[in-house]
């Protein structure tokens, strides 16, 4: 149960999964990922992706959007950074290790916030 999780446990789990995450979960979550991107792009502009993970969704956004991705897992973000470089994603402004419950970003900085599949990894989703 997510309420029983803590940041350290979550971070460890995603560090473990980082090397194979896309292979294991990429196809499983593809439909939902694409639906979330389509919904975000109906508004467009500056998009914050919370729980960006390996950045698997980043190449699917149109280049007219400016993207920032945050995740609790540094190993997942390293994969995201490699993906940004590999695909030449100049529309990705930043990727940062950050706790979604305590975002170190100014209020009203984004037009859209996307949080795909993160509810299962949030220790206190009711907060």
C-alpha atoms as a PDB file:
ATOM      1  CA  UNK A   1       0.000   0.000   0.000  1.00  0.00           C
ATOM      2  CA  UNK A   2       1.377   3.425  -0.975  1.00  0.00           C
ATOM      3  CA  UNK A   3       0.707   4.910   2.469  1.00  0.00           C
ATOM      4  CA  UNK A   4       3.194   2.469   3.969  1.00  0.00           C
ATOM      5  CA  UNK A   5       5.963   3.573   1.626  1.00  0.00           C
ATOM      6  CA  UNK A   6       8.642   6.123   2.356  1.00  0.00           C
ATOM      7  CA  UNK A   7      10.909   8.082   0.034  1.00  0.00           C
ATOM      8  CA  UNK A   8      13.934   5.905   0.773  1.00  0.00           C
ATOM      9  CA  UNK A   9      12.072   2.684  -0.052  1.00  0.00           C
ATOM     10  CA  UNK A  10      10.648   4.165  -3.242  1.00  0.00           C
ATOM     11  CA  UNK A  11      14.016   5.519  -4.305  1.00  0.00           C
ATOM     12  CA  UNK A  12      15.666   2.137  -3.747  1.00  0.00           C
ATOM     13  CA  UNK A  13      12.968   0.315  -5.676  1.00  0.00           C
ATOM     14  CA  UNK A  14      13.279   2.602  -8.691  1.00  0.00           C
ATOM     15  CA  UNK A  15      17.074   2.426  -8.576  1.00  0.00           C
ATOM     16  CA  UNK A  16      16.680  -1.342  -8.875  1.00  0.00           C
ATOM     17  CA  UNK A  17      14.187  -1.072 -11.764  1.00  0.00           C
ATOM     18  CA  UNK A  18      15.949   1.745 -13.667  1.00  0.00           C
ATOM     19  CA  UNK A  19      18.084  -0.490 -15.924  1.00  0.00           C
ATOM     20  CA  UNK A  20      15.102  -2.523 -17.163  1.00  0.00           C
ATOM     21  CA  UNK A  21      12.115  -0.235 -16.511  1.00  0.00           C
ATOM     22  CA  UNK A  22      11.422   0.630 -20.154  1.00  0.00           C
ATOM     23  CA  UNK A  23      11.721  -2.980 -21.268  1.00  0.00           C
ATOM     24  CA  UNK A  24       9.401  -4.266 -18.549  1.00  0.00           C
ATOM     25  CA  UNK A  25       6.849  -1.459 -18.361  1.00  0.00           C
ATOM     26  CA  UNK A  26       7.233   0.513 -21.606  1.00  0.00           C
ATOM     27  CA  UNK A  27       4.656  -1.344 -23.684  1.00  0.00           C
ATOM     28  CA  UNK A  28       2.341  -1.970 -20.729  1.00  0.00           C
ATOM     29  CA  UNK A  29       1.935   1.750 -20.018  1.00  0.00           C
ATOM     30  CA  UNK A  30       2.219   3.040 -23.595  1.00  0.00           C
ATOM     31  CA  UNK A  31      -1.479   3.663 -24.175  1.00  0.00           C
ATOM     32  CA  UNK A  32      -1.882   5.631 -20.949  1.00  0.00           C
ATOM     33  CA  UNK A  33       1.339   7.529 -21.591  1.00  0.00           C
ATOM     34  CA  UNK A  34       0.143   8.634 -25.009  1.00  0.00           C
ATOM     35  CA  UNK A  35      -3.282   9.620 -23.647  1.00  0.00           C
ATOM     36  CA  UNK A  36      -1.644  11.759 -20.940  1.00  0.00           C
ATOM     37  CA  UNK A  37       0.585  13.471 -23.496  1.00  0.00           C
ATOM     38  CA  UNK A  38      -2.360  14.159 -25.812  1.00  0.00           C
ATOM     39  CA  UNK A  39      -4.329  15.655 -22.921  1.00  0.00           C
ATOM     40  CA  UNK A  40      -1.379  17.831 -21.864  1.00  0.00           C
ATOM     41  CA  UNK A  41      -0.813  19.018 -25.408  1.00  0.00           C
ATOM     42  CA  UNK A  42      -4.406  20.191 -25.752  1.00  0.00           C
ATOM     43  CA  UNK A  43      -3.247  22.979 -23.435  1.00  0.00           C
ATOM     44  CA  UNK A  44       0.467  22.926 -24.252  1.00  0.00           C
ATOM     45  CA  UNK A  45       3.115  25.437 -23.282  1.00  0.00           C
ATOM     46  CA  UNK A  46       5.334  24.777 -20.260  1.00  0.00           C
ATOM     47  CA  UNK A  47       4.758  21.235 -19.047  1.00  0.00           C
ATOM     48  CA  UNK A  48       5.964  19.751 -15.775  1.00  0.00           C
ATOM     49  CA  UNK A  49       6.163  15.986 -15.766  1.00  0.00           C
ATOM     50  CA  UNK A  50       6.201  14.683 -12.191  1.00  0.00           C
ATOM     51  CA  UNK A  51       7.649  11.188 -11.951  1.00  0.00           C
ATOM     52  CA  UNK A  52       9.365  11.512 -15.330  1.00  0.00           C
ATOM     53  CA  UNK A  53      11.376   8.362 -14.591  1.00  0.00           C
ATOM     54  CA  UNK A  54      13.482   7.259 -17.525  1.00  0.00           C
ATOM     55  CA  UNK A  55      11.984   9.971 -19.704  1.00  0.00           C
ATOM     56  CA  UNK A  56      10.281   7.412 -21.921  1.00  0.00           C
ATOM     57  CA  UNK A  57       7.506   9.893 -22.705  1.00  0.00           C
ATOM     58  CA  UNK A  58       9.713  12.899 -23.477  1.00  0.00           C
ATOM     59  CA  UNK A  59      10.308  12.187 -27.189  1.00  0.00           C
ATOM     60  CA  UNK A  60       6.542  11.917 -27.728  1.00  0.00           C
ATOM     61  CA  UNK A  61       5.793  15.544 -26.834  1.00  0.00           C
ATOM     62  CA  UNK A  62       5.761  17.991 -29.731  1.00  0.00           C
ATOM     63  CA  UNK A  63       8.837  20.210 -29.791  1.00  0.00           C
ATOM     64  CA  UNK A  64       6.703  23.342 -29.368  1.00  0.00           C
ATOM     65  CA  UNK A  65       6.268  22.535 -25.683  1.00  0.00           C
ATOM     66  CA  UNK A  66       8.862  23.326 -23.024  1.00  0.00           C
ATOM     67  CA  UNK A  67       9.362  20.410 -20.624  1.00  0.00           C
ATOM     68  CA  UNK A  68      10.676  20.007 -17.107  1.00  0.00           C
ATOM     69  CA  UNK A  69      10.837  16.564 -15.529  1.00  0.00           C
ATOM     70  CA  UNK A  70      11.252  15.694 -11.869  1.00  0.00           C
ATOM     71  CA  UNK A  71      11.674  12.341 -10.186  1.00  0.00           C
ATOM     72  CA  UNK A  72      12.693  10.980  -6.817  1.00  0.00           C
ATOM     73  CA  UNK A  73      15.120   8.497  -8.394  1.00  0.00           C
ATOM     74  CA  UNK A  74      18.526   9.687  -9.583  1.00  0.00           C
ATOM     75  CA  UNK A  75      19.200   6.426 -11.515  1.00  0.00           C
ATOM     76  CA  UNK A  76      15.921   6.855 -13.405  1.00  0.00           C
ATOM     77  CA  UNK A  77      16.814  10.468 -14.198  1.00  0.00           C
ATOM     78  CA  UNK A  78      20.218   9.425 -15.530  1.00  0.00           C
ATOM     79  CA  UNK A  79      18.376   7.308 -18.089  1.00  0.00           C
ATOM     80  CA  UNK A  80      16.117  10.285 -18.856  1.00  0.00           C
ATOM     81  CA  UNK A  81      19.142  12.534 -19.365  1.00  0.00           C
ATOM     82  CA  UNK A  82      20.662   9.986 -21.745  1.00  0.00           C
ATOM     83  CA  UNK A  83      17.363   9.846 -23.649  1.00  0.00           C
ATOM     84  CA  UNK A  84      17.259  13.647 -23.944  1.00  0.00           C
ATOM     85  CA  UNK A  85      20.787  13.632 -25.368  1.00  0.00           C
ATOM     86  CA  UNK A  86      20.128  10.674 -27.676  1.00  0.00           C
ATOM     87  CA  UNK A  87      17.014  12.271 -29.184  1.00  0.00           C
ATOM     88  CA  UNK A  88      18.324  15.842 -29.169  1.00  0.00           C
ATOM     89  CA  UNK A  89      15.361  17.008 -27.101  1.00  0.00           C
ATOM     90  CA  UNK A  90      16.159  20.714 -26.971  1.00  0.00           C
ATOM     91  CA  UNK A  91      12.658  21.379 -25.623  1.00  0.00           C
ATOM     92  CA  UNK A  92      13.556  19.725 -22.300  1.00  0.00           C
ATOM     93  CA  UNK A  93      14.621  22.611 -20.093  1.00  0.00           C
ATOM     94  CA  UNK A  94      15.516  20.588 -16.988  1.00  0.00           C
ATOM     95  CA  UNK A  95      15.470  17.212 -15.291  1.00  0.00           C
ATOM     96  CA  UNK A  96      15.868  17.216 -11.528  1.00  0.00           C
ATOM     97  CA  UNK A  97      15.778  14.921  -8.534  1.00  0.00           C
ATOM     98  CA  UNK A  98      12.860  16.275  -6.573  1.00  0.00           C
ATOM     99  CA  UNK A  99      10.135  15.165  -4.196  1.00  0.00           C
ATOM    100  CA  UNK A 100       6.756  15.849  -5.813  1.00  0.00           C
ATOM    101  CA  UNK A 101       5.311  16.653  -2.391  1.00  0.00           C
ATOM    102  CA  UNK A 102       7.862  19.452  -1.971  1.00  0.00           C
ATOM    103  CA  UNK A 103       8.534  20.901  -5.394  1.00  0.00           C
ATOM    104  CA  UNK A 104      11.364  23.419  -5.393  1.00  0.00           C
ATOM    105  CA  UNK A 105       9.814  25.316  -8.294  1.00  0.00           C
ATOM    106  CA  UNK A 106       8.032  28.664  -8.299  1.00  0.00           C
ATOM    107  CA  UNK A 107       4.239  28.550  -8.166  1.00  0.00           C
ATOM    108  CA  UNK A 108       2.442  29.120 -11.463  1.00  0.00           C
ATOM    109  CA  UNK A 109       5.537  28.212 -13.534  1.00  0.00           C
ATOM    110  CA  UNK A 110       3.711  25.690 -15.712  1.00  0.00           C
ATOM    111  CA  UNK A 111       0.675  25.541 -17.933  1.00  0.00           C
ATOM    112  CA  UNK A 112       0.227  21.798 -17.410  1.00  0.00           C
ATOM    113  CA  UNK A 113       1.342  19.224 -14.863  1.00  0.00           C
ATOM    114  CA  UNK A 114       1.478  15.575 -15.906  1.00  0.00           C
ATOM    115  CA  UNK A 115       1.839  12.811 -13.316  1.00  0.00           C
ATOM    116  CA  UNK A 116       1.664   9.479 -15.095  1.00  0.00           C
ATOM    117  CA  UNK A 117       1.376   6.425 -12.862  1.00  0.00           C
ATOM    118  CA  UNK A 118       2.920   8.122  -9.823  1.00  0.00           C
ATOM    119  CA  UNK A 119      -0.019   7.649  -7.463  1.00  0.00           C
ATOM    120  CA  UNK A 120       1.197   4.138  -6.614  1.00  0.00           C
ATOM    121  CA  UNK A 121       4.559   5.513  -5.485  1.00  0.00           C
ATOM    122  CA  UNK A 122       3.402   8.516  -3.461  1.00  0.00           C
ATOM    123  CA  UNK A 123       3.693   7.898   0.283  1.00  0.00           C
ATOM    124  CA  UNK A 124       0.819  10.242   1.169  1.00  0.00           C
ATOM    125  CA  UNK A 125      -1.384  10.854  -1.898  1.00  0.00           C
ATOM    126  CA  UNK A 126      -4.087  12.419   0.272  1.00  0.00           C
ATOM    127  CA  UNK A 127      -1.751  15.261   1.281  1.00  0.00           C
END
